[in-house]
Amino acid sequence: MSDMQLRPITFAVPKGRILEEALPVMARAGVVPDSAFHDKADRSLSFACAHDSIWGSDMAIIRVRAFDVATFVAFGAAQAGIVGSDVIEEFNYSELYAPVDLDIGHCRLSVAEPARGSADASGSNAYSASHLRVATKYPGITKRYFEAQGVQAECVKLNGAMELAPSLGLAGRIVDLVSSGKTLAQNGLVETDVIMQISARLIVNRVALKTDRRVAALVERFRANAQAEAG
């Protein structure tokens, strides 16, 4: 079966902080959602490519949560997508290949704890130096980070409002995304360690890359544009 006879490839994009920066990068690679994608009243999750884009009917675009982008691509439901390196590291799917750093969505994943003098109902000292309770959206990364330091991290999984955990006694520390640090400061927390620097990456399914020439062509377009921007 030729590539032209194959089903459209599916490109997954994340809702939230990365998407606004990702759209111009996608456009330079010819991945342009149709007008319905930008209609805030439209609750659809799957969209066509603009008919006049280079991909046209050969590509569909889905808009899902960032963590789900990695899962859709890893399991082959989508063949390519854009997601932060934090998500890639958290899931560590062997089926994912991240060939292009898009140089957008910059932030860092950090450890934070109550500032000296702030209320800490959890009592950070209730845990020994080798055992901590940490609130985070990233239990995998968090456990690996603390294990490397000889510390057992008991992770409490939260999907948001991480900064409340220490003051309400849920955990002594948090691991969360940090950009300016203002949210931490406003909640009486200080950044103590940076686990990793983060940027958005193009990801592809390894099998799709080997079996569908369109996926390889897509990677080359993103790579060429990234190199042009860097140069």
Foldseek 3Di string as FASTA:
>chain_A
DALVPDQAAEEEEEPPDFVVVVQVLCVLLQAAFPPLVVPPVDPDQKTAGDCPTPCHRNYIYGYYHQLVNVVCQQVVVHFKYKHKVLSCVLVVRPQKDFDFFLPAPKWFKFKKFADPPDAFVLPQVVDDPQEFEEEECRPRLVQVVSVVVNHGYNYDHDPDPRLCCRNVNNTGMYIDIGHPCPVNVVSRMDTDGTSGIMGMTMMGGNVCCVVRVVSVSSSVSSRVVSVVVVD
